[in-house]
Amino acid sequence: MPVPEGFWLTLITEHGPWVLLVFYLLFRDHQKDDATRNILNRNTEIIVEITTLIRERLPRDRVG
Protein backbone atom coordinates (compact mmCIF):
# COMPACT_ATOMS: atom_id res chain seq x y z
CA MET A 1 0.00 0.00 0.00
CA PRO A 2 1.66 3.24 -1.09
CA VAL A 3 2.19 6.01 1.45
CA PRO A 4 0.41 9.25 0.47
CA GLU A 5 2.59 12.18 -0.51
CA GLY A 6 3.45 14.36 2.47
CA PHE A 7 2.50 11.64 4.96
CA TRP A 8 5.75 11.77 6.91
CA LEU A 9 5.90 15.55 6.94
CA THR A 10 2.33 15.79 8.23
CA LEU A 11 3.00 13.13 10.83
CA ILE A 12 6.11 14.90 12.14
CA THR A 13 4.59 18.39 12.17
CA GLU A 14 1.40 17.25 13.93
CA HIS A 15 2.82 14.74 16.38
CA GLY A 16 6.49 15.61 16.79
CA PRO A 17 9.74 13.83 16.08
CA TRP A 18 8.99 11.02 18.55
CA VAL A 19 6.81 9.49 15.83
CA LEU A 20 9.92 8.87 13.73
CA LEU A 21 11.58 7.24 16.71
CA VAL A 22 8.61 4.90 17.19
CA PHE A 23 8.61 3.89 13.52
CA TYR A 24 12.37 3.42 13.59
CA LEU A 25 12.17 1.19 16.68
CA LEU A 26 9.35 -0.84 15.15
CA PHE A 27 11.37 -1.24 11.95
CA ARG A 28 14.47 -2.39 13.89
CA ASP A 29 12.35 -4.82 15.92
CA HIS A 30 10.97 -6.27 12.69
CA GLN A 31 14.50 -6.67 11.30
CA LYS A 32 15.59 -8.50 14.45
CA ASP A 33 12.57 -10.80 14.25
CA ASP A 34 13.41 -11.62 10.62
CA ALA A 35 17.03 -12.34 11.49
CA THR A 36 16.01 -14.59 14.38
CA ARG A 37 13.49 -16.43 12.20
CA ASN A 38 16.14 -17.00 9.50
CA ILE A 39 18.60 -18.38 12.04
CA LEU A 40 15.99 -20.69 13.56
CA ASN A 41 15.00 -21.95 10.11
CA ARG A 42 18.62 -22.66 9.23
CA ASN A 43 19.18 -24.44 12.55
CA THR A 44 16.12 -26.59 11.88
CA GLU A 45 17.48 -27.54 8.45
CA ILE A 46 20.82 -28.53 10.00
CA ILE A 47 19.14 -30.62 12.71
CA VAL A 48 17.04 -32.42 10.11
CA GLU A 49 20.16 -33.17 8.04
CA ILE A 50 22.05 -34.49 11.07
CA THR A 51 19.07 -36.63 12.12
CA THR A 52 18.84 -38.08 8.61
CA LEU A 53 22.55 -38.93 8.59
CA ILE A 54 22.31 -40.60 11.99
CA ARG A 55 19.27 -42.65 10.96
CA GLU A 56 20.99 -43.78 7.78
CA ARG A 57 24.09 -44.96 9.66
CA LEU A 58 22.40 -46.71 12.57
CA PRO A 59 21.94 -50.44 12.17
CA ARG A 60 18.37 -51.44 11.48
CA ASP A 61 16.63 -53.94 13.72
CA ARG A 62 15.80 -57.08 11.78
CA VAL A 63 13.19 -59.40 13.18
CA GLY A 64 13.27 -63.04 12.17
C-alpha atoms as a PDB file:
ATOM      1  CA  MET A   1       0.000   0.000   0.000  1.00  0.00           C
ATOM      2  CA  PRO A   2       1.659   3.242  -1.091  1.00  0.00           C
ATOM      3  CA  VAL A   3       2.190   6.014   1.454  1.00  0.00           C
ATOM      4  CA  PRO A   4       0.412   9.251   0.474  1.00  0.00           C
ATOM      5  CA  GLU A   5       2.586  12.182  -0.511  1.00  0.00           C
ATOM      6  CA  GLY A   6       3.453  14.357   2.468  1.00  0.00           C
ATOM      7  CA  PHE A   7       2.503  11.642   4.964  1.00  0.00           C
ATOM      8  CA  TRP A   8       5.753  11.771   6.913  1.00  0.00           C
ATOM      9  CA  LEU A   9       5.899  15.554   6.941  1.00  0.00           C
ATOM     10  CA  THR A  10       2.332  15.792   8.231  1.00  0.00           C
ATOM     11  CA  LEU A  11       3.003  13.125  10.831  1.00  0.00           C
ATOM     12  CA  ILE A  12       6.110  14.896  12.135  1.00  0.00           C
ATOM     13  CA  THR A  13       4.586  18.388  12.174  1.00  0.00           C
ATOM     14  CA  GLU A  14       1.401  17.246  13.927  1.00  0.00           C
ATOM     15  CA  HIS A  15       2.820  14.736  16.377  1.00  0.00           C
ATOM     16  CA  GLY A  16       6.485  15.611  16.788  1.00  0.00           C
ATOM     17  CA  PRO A  17       9.744  13.830  16.082  1.00  0.00           C
ATOM     18  CA  TRP A  18       8.987  11.020  18.554  1.00  0.00           C
ATOM     19  CA  VAL A  19       6.810   9.495  15.827  1.00  0.00           C
ATOM     20  CA  LEU A  20       9.925   8.867  13.727  1.00  0.00           C
ATOM     21  CA  LEU A  21      11.580   7.240  16.712  1.00  0.00           C
ATOM     22  CA  VAL A  22       8.612   4.904  17.189  1.00  0.00           C
ATOM     23  CA  PHE A  23       8.606   3.891  13.521  1.00  0.00           C
ATOM     24  CA  TYR A  24      12.367   3.418  13.588  1.00  0.00           C
ATOM     25  CA  LEU A  25      12.167   1.195  16.679  1.00  0.00           C
ATOM     26  CA  LEU A  26       9.351  -0.843  15.150  1.00  0.00           C
ATOM     27  CA  PHE A  27      11.370  -1.240  11.954  1.00  0.00           C
ATOM     28  CA  ARG A  28      14.469  -2.393  13.888  1.00  0.00           C
ATOM     29  CA  ASP A  29      12.349  -4.817  15.915  1.00  0.00           C
ATOM     30  CA  HIS A  30      10.970  -6.268  12.687  1.00  0.00           C
ATOM     31  CA  GLN A  31      14.500  -6.668  11.303  1.00  0.00           C
ATOM     32  CA  LYS A  32      15.594  -8.496  14.454  1.00  0.00           C
ATOM     33  CA  ASP A  33      12.566 -10.800  14.247  1.00  0.00           C
ATOM     34  CA  ASP A  34      13.408 -11.621  10.624  1.00  0.00           C
ATOM     35  CA  ALA A  35      17.033 -12.339  11.494  1.00  0.00           C
ATOM     36  CA  THR A  36      16.007 -14.585  14.381  1.00  0.00           C
ATOM     37  CA  ARG A  37      13.493 -16.425  12.195  1.00  0.00           C
ATOM     38  CA  ASN A  38      16.138 -17.003   9.501  1.00  0.00           C
ATOM     39  CA  ILE A  39      18.603 -18.379  12.039  1.00  0.00           C
ATOM     40  CA  LEU A  40      15.991 -20.691  13.558  1.00  0.00           C
ATOM     41  CA  ASN A  41      14.997 -21.952  10.109  1.00  0.00           C
ATOM     42  CA  ARG A  42      18.624 -22.659   9.234  1.00  0.00           C
ATOM     43  CA  ASN A  43      19.180 -24.442  12.555  1.00  0.00           C
ATOM     44  CA  THR A  44      16.121 -26.589  11.884  1.00  0.00           C
ATOM     45  CA  GLU A  45      17.483 -27.537   8.453  1.00  0.00           C
ATOM     46  CA  ILE A  46      20.817 -28.531  10.002  1.00  0.00           C
ATOM     47  CA  ILE A  47      19.139 -30.625  12.714  1.00  0.00           C
ATOM     48  CA  VAL A  48      17.040 -32.422  10.106  1.00  0.00           C
ATOM     49  CA  GLU A  49      20.160 -33.169   8.037  1.00  0.00           C
ATOM     50  CA  ILE A  50      22.046 -34.493  11.069  1.00  0.00           C
ATOM     51  CA  THR A  51      19.070 -36.627  12.116  1.00  0.00           C
ATOM     52  CA  THR A  52      18.836 -38.076   8.610  1.00  0.00           C
ATOM     53  CA  LEU A  53      22.546 -38.926   8.589  1.00  0.00           C
ATOM     54  CA  ILE A  54      22.314 -40.601  11.987  1.00  0.00           C
ATOM     55  CA  ARG A  55      19.266 -42.648  10.963  1.00  0.00           C
ATOM     56  CA  GLU A  56      20.993 -43.779   7.780  1.00  0.00           C
ATOM     57  CA  ARG A  57      24.087 -44.963   9.661  1.00  0.00           C
ATOM     58  CA  LEU A  58      22.398 -46.710  12.570  1.00  0.00           C
ATOM     59  CA  PRO A  59      21.936 -50.441  12.172  1.00  0.00           C
ATOM     60  CA  ARG A  60      18.370 -51.441  11.476  1.00  0.00           C
ATOM     61  CA  ASP A  61      16.626 -53.937  13.722  1.00  0.00           C
ATOM     62  CA  ARG A  62      15.801 -57.083  11.783  1.00  0.00           C
ATOM     63  CA  VAL A  63      13.192 -59.401  13.181  1.00  0.00           C
ATOM     64  CA  GLY A  64      13.273 -63.041  12.173  1.00  0.00           C
END
